[in-house]
Protein backbone atom coordinates (compact mmCIF):
# COMPACT_ATOMS: atom_id res chain seq x y z
CA UNK A 1 -10.93 -36.26 19.08
CA UNK A 2 -8.88 -33.94 21.35
CA UNK A 3 -5.84 -34.44 19.14
CA UNK A 4 -7.86 -33.42 16.04
CA UNK A 5 -9.08 -30.24 17.75
CA UNK A 6 -5.56 -29.31 18.90
CA UNK A 7 -4.20 -29.93 15.39
CA UNK A 8 -6.98 -27.81 13.84
CA UNK A 9 -6.26 -24.96 16.27
CA UNK A 10 -2.54 -25.15 15.55
CA UNK A 11 -3.14 -25.06 11.79
CA UNK A 12 -5.48 -22.07 12.18
CA UNK A 13 -2.84 -20.27 14.26
CA UNK A 14 -0.14 -20.98 11.64
CA UNK A 15 -2.42 -19.71 8.89
CA UNK A 16 -3.21 -16.50 10.78
CA UNK A 17 0.35 -15.67 11.77
CA UNK A 18 2.45 -17.37 9.10
CA UNK A 19 5.28 -19.79 9.73
CA UNK A 20 8.94 -19.29 8.90
CA UNK A 21 11.02 -22.37 9.62
CA UNK A 22 10.43 -23.35 13.23
CA UNK A 23 9.44 -19.90 14.46
CA UNK A 24 6.10 -18.17 14.13
CA UNK A 25 5.99 -14.64 12.77
CA UNK A 26 2.99 -12.37 12.71
CA UNK A 27 2.05 -10.54 9.55
CA UNK A 28 0.52 -7.09 9.38
CA UNK A 29 -1.24 -4.95 6.76
CA UNK A 30 -1.14 -1.30 5.78
CA UNK A 31 -2.97 0.41 2.92
CA UNK A 32 -1.24 3.24 1.06
CA UNK A 33 -2.34 5.71 -1.60
CA UNK A 34 0.41 7.58 -3.45
CA UNK A 35 -0.99 8.29 -6.89
CA UNK A 36 -1.54 5.48 -9.38
CA UNK A 37 -1.75 2.11 -7.64
CA UNK A 38 0.40 0.52 -10.34
CA UNK A 39 3.36 2.59 -9.12
CA UNK A 40 2.82 1.84 -5.45
CA UNK A 41 2.43 -1.86 -6.17
CA UNK A 42 5.61 -1.99 -8.30
CA UNK A 43 7.65 -0.25 -5.58
CA UNK A 44 6.56 -2.45 -2.67
CA UNK A 45 6.66 -5.75 -4.56
CA UNK A 46 10.45 -5.33 -4.51
CA UNK A 47 10.82 -4.88 -0.75
CA UNK A 48 12.03 -7.86 1.30
CA UNK A 49 9.53 -8.65 4.02
CA UNK A 50 6.55 -7.44 1.99
CA UNK A 51 4.73 -10.68 1.31
CA UNK A 52 2.00 -9.43 -1.01
CA UNK A 53 0.68 -6.24 -2.56
CA UNK A 54 -2.86 -5.87 -3.86
CA UNK A 55 -4.07 -2.93 -5.93
CA UNK A 56 -7.46 -1.64 -4.88
CA UNK A 57 -9.69 1.18 -3.72
CA UNK A 58 -10.38 2.67 -0.29
CA UNK A 59 -11.66 5.77 1.45
CA UNK A 60 -14.86 6.36 -0.47
CA UNK A 61 -18.56 5.70 -0.12
CA UNK A 62 -19.38 3.62 -3.21
CA UNK A 63 -19.51 -0.11 -2.42
CA UNK A 64 -17.64 -2.44 -4.80
CA UNK A 65 -16.43 0.33 -7.10
CA UNK A 66 -15.11 -0.33 -10.58
CA UNK A 67 -11.97 1.22 -12.01
CA UNK A 68 -14.08 3.37 -14.33
CA UNK A 69 -16.14 4.69 -11.40
CA UNK A 70 -13.03 5.50 -9.35
CA UNK A 71 -11.42 7.24 -12.36
CA UNK A 72 -14.50 9.47 -12.65
CA UNK A 73 -13.60 10.87 -9.23
CA UNK A 74 -17.16 10.58 -7.89
CA UNK A 75 -16.79 7.60 -5.53
CA UNK A 76 -14.53 9.25 -2.97
CA UNK A 77 -12.17 6.27 -3.24
CA UNK A 78 -8.43 6.56 -3.72
CA UNK A 79 -6.35 4.15 -5.75
CA UNK A 80 -4.38 2.26 -3.09
CA UNK A 81 -2.10 -0.69 -2.56
CA UNK A 82 -2.67 -2.97 0.41
CA UNK A 83 0.57 -4.44 1.72
CA UNK A 84 0.85 -7.60 3.77
CA UNK A 85 4.23 -7.61 5.47
CA UNK A 86 6.26 -9.40 8.10
CA UNK A 87 7.22 -6.82 10.75
CA UNK A 88 10.14 -9.04 11.79
CA UNK A 89 11.65 -8.44 8.33
CA UNK A 90 10.47 -4.92 7.47
CA UNK A 91 9.01 -2.43 9.92
CA UNK A 92 6.12 -0.09 9.26
CA UNK A 93 8.58 2.75 9.82
CA UNK A 94 10.75 1.45 6.96
CA UNK A 95 7.70 1.02 4.73
CA UNK A 96 6.68 4.62 5.42
CA UNK A 97 10.21 5.97 4.91
CA UNK A 98 9.98 4.58 1.38
CA UNK A 99 6.42 5.90 0.99
CA UNK A 100 7.59 9.51 1.52
CA UNK A 101 10.39 9.07 -1.05
CA UNK A 102 8.31 7.20 -3.64
CA UNK A 103 5.88 10.06 -4.37
CA UNK A 104 5.34 13.76 -3.74
CA UNK A 105 3.26 13.98 -0.55
CA UNK A 106 3.01 17.77 -0.87
CA UNK A 107 0.73 17.87 -3.92
CA UNK A 108 -2.98 17.74 -3.17
CA UNK A 109 -4.90 15.18 -5.23
CA UNK A 110 -2.14 14.87 -7.79
CA UNK A 111 0.89 12.81 -8.71
CA UNK A 112 2.49 13.97 -11.94
CA UNK A 113 -0.06 13.83 -14.74
CA UNK A 114 -2.51 11.85 -12.57
CA UNK A 115 -4.97 14.40 -11.18
CA UNK A 116 -8.03 13.93 -8.97
CA UNK A 117 -8.99 12.85 -5.46
CA UNK A 118 -8.49 9.23 -6.52
CA UNK A 119 -4.73 9.97 -6.66
CA UNK A 120 -4.45 11.57 -3.22
CA UNK A 121 -1.67 10.78 -0.80
CA UNK A 122 -3.13 8.75 2.07
CA UNK A 123 -2.20 6.23 4.73
CA UNK A 124 -5.06 4.00 5.87
CA UNK A 125 -4.14 2.49 9.23
CA UNK A 126 -5.68 -0.54 10.94
CA UNK A 127 -4.66 0.09 14.56
CA UNK A 128 -3.85 2.91 16.93
CA UNK A 129 -0.23 1.77 16.91
CA UNK A 130 -0.10 2.13 13.11
CA UNK A 131 -1.70 5.58 13.41
CA UNK A 132 0.97 6.72 15.89
CA UNK A 133 3.79 5.37 13.71
CA UNK A 134 2.31 7.08 10.63
CA UNK A 135 1.94 10.43 12.40
CA UNK A 136 5.51 10.30 13.74
CA UNK A 137 6.81 9.28 10.33
CA UNK A 138 4.98 12.17 8.67
CA UNK A 139 6.46 14.62 11.18
CA UNK A 140 9.99 13.34 10.49
CA UNK A 141 9.43 13.36 6.71
CA UNK A 142 8.19 16.96 6.80
CA UNK A 143 11.78 18.05 7.49
CA UNK A 144 12.69 16.94 3.96
CA UNK A 145 10.08 19.17 2.26
CA UNK A 146 9.91 22.96 2.04
CA UNK A 147 6.11 22.96 1.73
CA UNK A 148 3.57 21.15 3.93
CA UNK A 149 2.85 17.44 3.47
CA UNK A 150 -0.84 16.99 2.62
CA UNK A 151 -1.00 13.22 3.16
CA UNK A 152 -4.14 12.09 4.97
CA UNK A 153 -3.82 9.57 7.81
CA UNK A 154 -7.15 7.82 8.28
CA UNK A 155 -8.56 4.55 9.61
CA UNK A 156 -9.22 1.91 6.96
CA UNK A 157 -12.94 1.26 6.80
CA UNK A 158 -13.09 -1.02 3.77
CA UNK A 159 -10.66 -2.15 1.09
CA UNK A 160 -11.96 -3.22 -2.32
CA UNK A 161 -9.57 -5.26 -4.43
CA UNK A 162 -9.18 -3.87 -7.95
CA UNK A 163 -9.95 -5.87 -11.04
CA UNK A 164 -7.54 -8.70 -11.87
CA UNK A 165 -5.91 -6.89 -14.79
CA UNK A 166 -4.61 -4.24 -12.33
CA UNK A 167 -2.80 -6.81 -10.16
CA UNK A 168 0.95 -7.15 -10.84
CA UNK A 169 0.48 -4.58 -13.58
CA UNK A 170 4.13 -3.61 -14.02
CA UNK A 171 5.30 -7.21 -13.89
CA UNK A 172 2.73 -8.22 -16.52
CA UNK A 173 3.06 -5.12 -18.74
CA UNK A 174 6.66 -3.88 -18.46
CA UNK A 175 6.65 -2.36 -21.95
CA UNK A 176 3.32 -0.52 -21.66
CA UNK A 177 3.84 3.24 -22.10
CA UNK A 178 2.90 4.10 -18.48
CA UNK A 179 5.30 1.47 -17.19
CA UNK A 180 8.15 2.68 -19.42
CA UNK A 181 7.61 6.40 -18.86
CA UNK A 182 6.49 6.56 -15.22
CA UNK A 183 7.05 3.37 -13.23
CA UNK A 184 10.49 2.31 -14.50
CA UNK A 185 12.09 5.75 -13.89
CA UNK A 186 10.57 5.78 -10.39
CA UNK A 187 12.01 2.34 -9.62
CA UNK A 188 15.43 3.42 -10.93
CA UNK A 189 15.33 6.62 -8.85
CA UNK A 190 14.57 4.53 -5.75
CA UNK A 191 17.33 2.02 -6.74
CA UNK A 192 14.78 -0.78 -6.94
CA UNK A 193 15.52 -1.72 -10.55
């Protein structure tokens, strides 16, 4: 009986923190809004150490929002990507360095032709440590821009996963017009494709 309990606890620990070879490594999450979630997802799916990226919605008041509701701009939610990453392989600082380069954090509620609060630049943190790293990163990034960064840094209250057809959008629809005209040039600019 004791052996079964110990084994169950060990399996739960491995599930919570992940296992790489013989060593345990903790995973962490951060939720980022930088315009259309298809772009953010496509960028971070290519980063070593990022284990998964889920497109979704956060920051609003409507529970279980649909894509159509978020697009209307009345829910308060932003299109976001939630990253699960291994901090032993990629740090939050590195993730945020890419965040500042992957979009224009100086435009309020807009990225290119995507306009509205649902496209705002935002970092949703899950701990005080993440908040501190995000604020320091923003301060350093500001030196690269001649106008103020408008990115919000807020605690994540609730993440709602987007509909299945939004997941892995670029991978599943590489020839769709948005992918060809917006995502692919962004990936090339960032030297990710």
